[in-house]
C-alpha atoms as a PDB file:
ATOM      1  CA  MET A   1      27.534  20.193 -14.678  1.00  0.00           C
ATOM      2  CA  ASN A   2      26.425  18.650 -17.981  1.00  0.00           C
ATOM      3  CA  ALA A   3      23.215  19.553 -19.839  1.00  0.00           C
ATOM      4  CA  ARG A   4      21.284  16.543 -18.519  1.00  0.00           C
ATOM      5  CA  ASP A   5      22.160  17.323 -14.894  1.00  0.00           C
ATOM      6  CA  ARG A   6      21.172  20.976 -15.431  1.00  0.00           C
ATOM      7  CA  ARG A   7      17.804  19.832 -16.761  1.00  0.00           C
ATOM      8  CA  LEU A   8      17.308  17.390 -13.884  1.00  0.00           C
ATOM      9  CA  SER A   9      18.207  20.145 -11.394  1.00  0.00           C
ATOM     10  CA  ALA A  10      15.829  22.599 -13.073  1.00  0.00           C
ATOM     11  CA  ASP A  11      13.025  20.027 -12.982  1.00  0.00           C
ATOM     12  CA  PHE A  12      13.703  19.372  -9.297  1.00  0.00           C
ATOM     13  CA  GLU A  13      13.576  23.093  -8.450  1.00  0.00           C
ATOM     14  CA  LYS A  14      10.336  23.526 -10.407  1.00  0.00           C
ATOM     15  CA  VAL A  15       8.783  20.522  -8.654  1.00  0.00           C
ATOM     16  CA  LYS A  16       9.736  21.917  -5.247  1.00  0.00           C
ATOM     17  CA  ASP A  17       8.270  25.318  -6.135  1.00  0.00           C
ATOM     18  CA  GLU A  18       5.082  23.859  -7.559  1.00  0.00           C
ATOM     19  CA  PHE A  19       4.268  21.081  -5.077  1.00  0.00           C
ATOM     20  CA  ILE A  20       5.556  21.984  -1.626  1.00  0.00           C
ATOM     21  CA  GLY A  21       2.403  22.405   0.411  1.00  0.00           C
ATOM     22  CA  HIS A  22       0.132  21.280  -2.440  1.00  0.00           C
ATOM     23  CA  LYS A  23      -3.259  20.167  -1.125  1.00  0.00           C
ATOM     24  CA  TYR A  24      -3.769  17.289  -3.586  1.00  0.00           C
ATOM     25  CA  ILE A  25      -0.311  16.170  -4.714  1.00  0.00           C
ATOM     26  CA  LYS A  26       2.716  15.017  -2.709  1.00  0.00           C
ATOM     27  CA  VAL A  27       6.024  14.555  -4.545  1.00  0.00           C
ATOM     28  CA  ASP A  28       9.069  12.842  -3.034  1.00  0.00           C
ATOM     29  CA  PRO A  29      12.418  12.384  -4.773  1.00  0.00           C
ATOM     30  CA  ILE A  30      13.545   8.800  -4.157  1.00  0.00           C
ATOM     31  CA  GLU A  31      16.722   8.331  -6.187  1.00  0.00           C
ATOM     32  CA  GLY A  32      19.605  10.420  -7.434  1.00  0.00           C
ATOM     33  CA  ASN A  33      21.176  13.809  -6.877  1.00  0.00           C
ATOM     34  CA  PRO A  34      19.737  15.565  -8.793  1.00  0.00           C
ATOM     35  CA  PRO A  35      16.747  13.205  -8.564  1.00  0.00           C
ATOM     36  CA  VAL A  36      15.965  10.828 -11.423  1.00  0.00           C
ATOM     37  CA  ARG A  37      13.128   8.945  -9.692  1.00  0.00           C
ATOM     38  CA  TYR A  38      10.106  10.423  -7.914  1.00  0.00           C
ATOM     39  CA  SER A  39       7.210   9.010  -5.932  1.00  0.00           C
ATOM     40  CA  VAL A  40       3.993  10.978  -6.482  1.00  0.00           C
ATOM     41  CA  THR A  41       0.864  10.580  -4.369  1.00  0.00           C
ATOM     42  CA  TYR A  42      -2.416  12.045  -5.590  1.00  0.00           C
ATOM     43  CA  TYR A  43      -5.368  12.716  -3.305  1.00  0.00           C
ATOM     44  CA  LEU A  44      -7.953  13.074  -6.076  1.00  0.00           C
ATOM     45  CA  LYS A  45     -11.168  11.427  -7.176  1.00  0.00           C
ATOM     46  CA  GLY A  46     -10.401   8.641  -9.591  1.00  0.00           C
ATOM     47  CA  LEU A  47     -11.843   5.245 -10.375  1.00  0.00           C
ATOM     48  CA  LYS A  48     -10.879   1.657  -9.772  1.00  0.00           C
ATOM     49  CA  LEU A  49     -12.699  -1.514 -10.745  1.00  0.00           C
ATOM     50  CA  ASP A  50     -14.595  -3.193  -7.912  1.00  0.00           C
ATOM     51  CA  LYS A  51     -13.507  -6.832  -7.863  1.00  0.00           C
ATOM     52  CA  LYS A  52     -16.945  -8.151  -6.859  1.00  0.00           C
ATOM     53  CA  THR A  53     -19.271  -6.067  -9.027  1.00  0.00           C
ATOM     54  CA  LYS A  54     -16.800  -5.486 -11.894  1.00  0.00           C
ATOM     55  CA  LYS A  55     -17.996  -1.856 -11.978  1.00  0.00           C
ATOM     56  CA  PRO A  56     -15.946   1.326 -11.491  1.00  0.00           C
ATOM     57  CA  VAL A  57     -15.998   2.808  -7.984  1.00  0.00           C
ATOM     58  CA  GLU A  58     -14.504   6.041  -6.679  1.00  0.00           C
ATOM     59  CA  THR A  59     -11.115   6.080  -5.014  1.00  0.00           C
ATOM     60  CA  TYR A  60      -9.152   9.025  -3.647  1.00  0.00           C
ATOM     61  CA  HIS A  61      -5.593   7.747  -3.225  1.00  0.00           C
ATOM     62  CA  HIS A  62      -3.276   7.098  -6.158  1.00  0.00           C
ATOM     63  CA  GLU A  63       0.455   6.393  -6.097  1.00  0.00           C
ATOM     64  CA  ALA A  64       2.657   6.803  -9.141  1.00  0.00           C
ATOM     65  CA  GLU A  65       6.367   6.701  -9.855  1.00  0.00           C
ATOM     66  CA  ILE A  66       8.205   8.732 -12.458  1.00  0.00           C
ATOM     67  CA  TYR A  67      11.643   7.697 -13.703  1.00  0.00           C
ATOM     68  CA  LEU A  68      13.756  10.153 -15.695  1.00  0.00           C
ATOM     69  CA  HIS A  69      15.870   7.592 -17.571  1.00  0.00           C
ATOM     70  CA  LYS A  70      19.150   8.352 -19.350  1.00  0.00           C
ATOM     71  CA  ASN A  71      17.370   9.442 -22.575  1.00  0.00           C
ATOM     72  CA  TYR A  72      15.163  11.978 -20.784  1.00  0.00           C
ATOM     73  CA  PRO A  73      14.304  14.676 -21.882  1.00  0.00           C
ATOM     74  CA  ARG A  74      14.753  13.579 -25.505  1.00  0.00           C
ATOM     75  CA  GLU A  75      12.326  10.745 -24.728  1.00  0.00           C
ATOM     76  CA  LYS A  76       9.372  10.871 -22.357  1.00  0.00           C
ATOM     77  CA  PRO A  77       9.918   9.620 -18.801  1.00  0.00           C
ATOM     78  CA  LEU A  78       8.732   6.214 -17.666  1.00  0.00           C
ATOM     79  CA  CYS A  79       5.609   6.627 -15.554  1.00  0.00           C
ATOM     80  CA  THR A  80       4.069   3.790 -13.581  1.00  0.00           C
ATOM     81  CA  ILE A  81       1.031   3.504 -11.329  1.00  0.00           C
ATOM     82  CA  ASN A  82       1.370   1.559  -8.090  1.00  0.00           C
ATOM     83  CA  THR A  83      -2.293   1.593  -7.051  1.00  0.00           C
ATOM     84  CA  GLU A  84      -5.367   0.245  -8.810  1.00  0.00           C
ATOM     85  CA  ILE A  85      -6.970   2.583 -11.315  1.00  0.00           C
ATOM     86  CA  PHE A  86      -9.607   2.228 -14.024  1.00  0.00           C
ATOM     87  CA  HIS A  87      -8.639   4.511 -16.892  1.00  0.00           C
ATOM     88  CA  PRO A  88      -8.051   3.965 -20.616  1.00  0.00           C
ATOM     89  CA  ASN A  89      -4.490   5.323 -20.498  1.00  0.00           C
ATOM     90  CA  PHE A  90      -3.297   3.463 -17.405  1.00  0.00           C
ATOM     91  CA  GLY A  91      -2.199  -0.139 -17.859  1.00  0.00           C
ATOM     92  CA  PRO A  92      -0.809  -2.639 -15.420  1.00  0.00           C
ATOM     93  CA  LYS A  93       1.943  -0.576 -13.886  1.00  0.00           C
ATOM     94  CA  LYS A  94       2.208   1.776 -16.907  1.00  0.00           C
ATOM     95  CA  ILE A  95       0.882   5.262 -17.638  1.00  0.00           C
ATOM     96  CA  CYS A  96       0.673   6.572 -21.203  1.00  0.00           C
ATOM     97  CA  ILE A  97       1.367  10.264 -20.615  1.00  0.00           C
ATOM     98  CA  ALA A  98       1.355  11.289 -24.267  1.00  0.00           C
ATOM     99  CA  ASP A  99       1.203   9.951 -27.783  1.00  0.00           C
ATOM    100  CA  TYR A 100       3.588  12.737 -28.790  1.00  0.00           C
ATOM    101  CA  TRP A 101       6.428  13.958 -26.609  1.00  0.00           C
ATOM    102  CA  ALA A 102       8.230  17.297 -26.675  1.00  0.00           C
ATOM    103  CA  ALA A 103      11.521  17.674 -24.817  1.00  0.00           C
ATOM    104  CA  GLY A 104      10.366  21.097 -23.585  1.00  0.00           C
ATOM    105  CA  GLU A 105       7.742  19.514 -21.315  1.00  0.00           C
ATOM    106  CA  ASN A 106       8.928  19.572 -17.735  1.00  0.00           C
ATOM    107  CA  LEU A 107       8.408  17.221 -14.829  1.00  0.00           C
ATOM    108  CA  ALA A 108       5.903  19.494 -13.061  1.00  0.00           C
ATOM    109  CA  ASP A 109       3.746  19.491 -16.212  1.00  0.00           C
ATOM    110  CA  ILE A 110       3.837  15.686 -16.322  1.00  0.00           C
ATOM    111  CA  ILE A 111       2.799  15.437 -12.663  1.00  0.00           C
ATOM    112  CA  ILE A 112      -0.149  17.769 -13.314  1.00  0.00           C
ATOM    113  CA  GLN A 113      -1.057  15.865 -16.490  1.00  0.00           C
ATOM    114  CA  ILE A 114      -1.263  12.562 -14.582  1.00  0.00           C
ATOM    115  CA  GLY A 115      -3.512  14.218 -11.982  1.00  0.00           C
ATOM    116  CA  GLN A 116      -5.782  15.507 -14.740  1.00  0.00           C
ATOM    117  CA  MET A 117      -5.917  12.016 -16.208  1.00  0.00           C
ATOM    118  CA  ILE A 118      -6.857  10.486 -12.845  1.00  0.00           C
ATOM    119  CA  GLN A 119      -9.843  12.854 -12.705  1.00  0.00           C
ATOM    120  CA  TYR A 120     -10.819  12.058 -16.329  1.00  0.00           C
ATOM    121  CA  GLN A 121     -10.207  15.674 -17.267  1.00  0.00           C
ATOM    122  CA  SER A 122      -7.958  14.104 -19.874  1.00  0.00           C
ATOM    123  CA  TYR A 123      -8.236  10.661 -21.456  1.00  0.00           C
ATOM    124  CA  ASN A 124      -7.768   9.080 -24.859  1.00  0.00           C
ATOM    125  CA  PRO A 125      -9.938   6.028 -25.567  1.00  0.00           C
ATOM    126  CA  LYS A 126      -8.427   5.745 -29.080  1.00  0.00           C
ATOM    127  CA  SER A 127      -4.976   4.841 -27.766  1.00  0.00           C
ATOM    128  CA  PRO A 128      -5.763   2.691 -24.720  1.00  0.00           C
ATOM    129  CA  LEU A 129      -3.636   0.631 -22.419  1.00  0.00           C
ATOM    130  CA  ASN A 130      -6.873  -0.663 -20.833  1.00  0.00           C
ATOM    131  CA  GLN A 131      -9.433  -1.714 -23.473  1.00  0.00           C
ATOM    132  CA  GLN A 132     -12.212  -2.287 -20.944  1.00  0.00           C
ATOM    133  CA  ALA A 133     -11.791   1.200 -19.455  1.00  0.00           C
ATOM    134  CA  ALA A 134     -11.695   2.694 -22.964  1.00  0.00           C
ATOM    135  CA  ARG A 135     -15.015   1.076 -23.924  1.00  0.00           C
ATOM    136  CA  TRP A 136     -16.555   2.152 -20.624  1.00  0.00           C
ATOM    137  CA  ALA A 137     -15.264   5.733 -21.038  1.00  0.00           C
ATOM    138  CA  VAL A 138     -16.804   6.025 -24.515  1.00  0.00           C
ATOM    139  CA  GLU A 139     -20.137   4.710 -23.209  1.00  0.00           C
ATOM    140  CA  ASN A 140     -20.115   7.048 -20.195  1.00  0.00           C
ATOM    141  CA  LYS A 141     -18.471  10.223 -21.499  1.00  0.00           C
ATOM    142  CA  GLU A 142     -21.361  12.363 -20.194  1.00  0.00           C
ATOM    143  CA  ILE A 143     -20.180  11.854 -16.588  1.00  0.00           C
ATOM    144  CA  PHE A 144     -16.689  13.255 -17.208  1.00  0.00           C
ATOM    145  CA  PRO A 145     -14.720  14.766 -15.736  1.00  0.00           C
ATOM    146  CA  ILE A 146     -15.277  12.904 -12.491  1.00  0.00           C
ATOM    147  CA  GLY A 147     -13.091  15.450 -10.663  1.00  0.00           C
ATOM    148  CA  ASN A 148     -12.928  19.191 -11.247  1.00  0.00           C
ATOM    149  CA  ILE A 149      -9.900  20.141  -9.182  1.00  0.00           C
ATOM    150  CA  ASP A 150      -7.543  22.616 -10.846  1.00  0.00           C
ATOM    151  CA  LEU A 151      -4.122  21.301  -9.888  1.00  0.00           C
ATOM    152  CA  TYR A 152      -2.176  24.410 -10.798  1.00  0.00           C
ATOM    153  CA  GLN A 153      -1.454  26.433  -7.685  1.00  0.00           C
ATOM    154  CA  PRO A 154      -1.968  30.174  -7.905  1.00  0.00           C
ATOM    155  CA  GLU A 155       1.091  32.360  -8.221  1.00  0.00           C
ATOM    156  CA  VAL A 156       2.015  33.926  -4.897  1.00  0.00           C
ATOM    157  CA  ASP A 157       3.346  37.468  -4.814  1.00  0.00           C
ATOM    158  CA  ILE A 158       6.184  37.797  -2.366  1.00  0.00           C
ATOM    159  CA  VAL A 159       6.322  41.145  -0.641  1.00  0.00           C
ATOM    160  CA  ASP A 160       9.736  42.439   0.294  1.00  0.00           C
ATOM    161  CA  PRO A 161       9.484  43.738   3.874  1.00  0.00           C
ATOM    162  CA  GLU A 162      11.836  46.560   2.938  1.00  0.00           C
ATOM    163  CA  ASP A 163       9.503  47.855   0.207  1.00  0.00           C
ATOM    164  CA  ASP A 164       7.781  51.087   1.194  1.00  0.00           C
ATOM    165  CA  ILE A 165       4.033  50.764   1.311  1.00  0.00           C
ATOM    166  CA  GLU A 166       1.961  53.888   1.273  1.00  0.00           C
ATOM    167  CA  ILE A 167      -1.373  53.801   3.044  1.00  0.00           C
ATOM    168  CA  GLU A 168      -3.805  56.651   2.783  1.00  0.00           C
ATOM    169  CA  ILE A 169      -6.321  57.106   5.562  1.00  0.00           C
ATOM    170  CA  TYR A 170      -9.418  59.138   4.842  1.00  0.00           C
END
């Protein structure tokens, strides 16, 4: 197995560990073995622009796709959004996950980062893909974040049934 396939396999294992049974994020590999394309569904409070009023309204369902192209991890993955969202760093079909990319970032971190962005826990109005959302975010920064969900799941200690457990009864 070459270095790229090892990295893709490691990312896939980390994603399985981190997101199986996650309450707010569902991740499905959709291409490759090891996977190079993932569908990610977020069940988090975000915003979209109401077509009639032209004002942001809450929405709780967001679908993204992450593609680990041939230059990944040297270059950041291609991330797209498939549902409407009103956010400075989400453009038509594109998500700006970082101005600076480090090859040590893993896929699970990227998935969490996008979820934090959806909730406006993270946003950058100085490097926008959506100018209107950037202006609105600057004018309304006192309402952020709009969601406070910590997307990192707690570590679970696995108890070996063969371990001796001592119980003292008083």
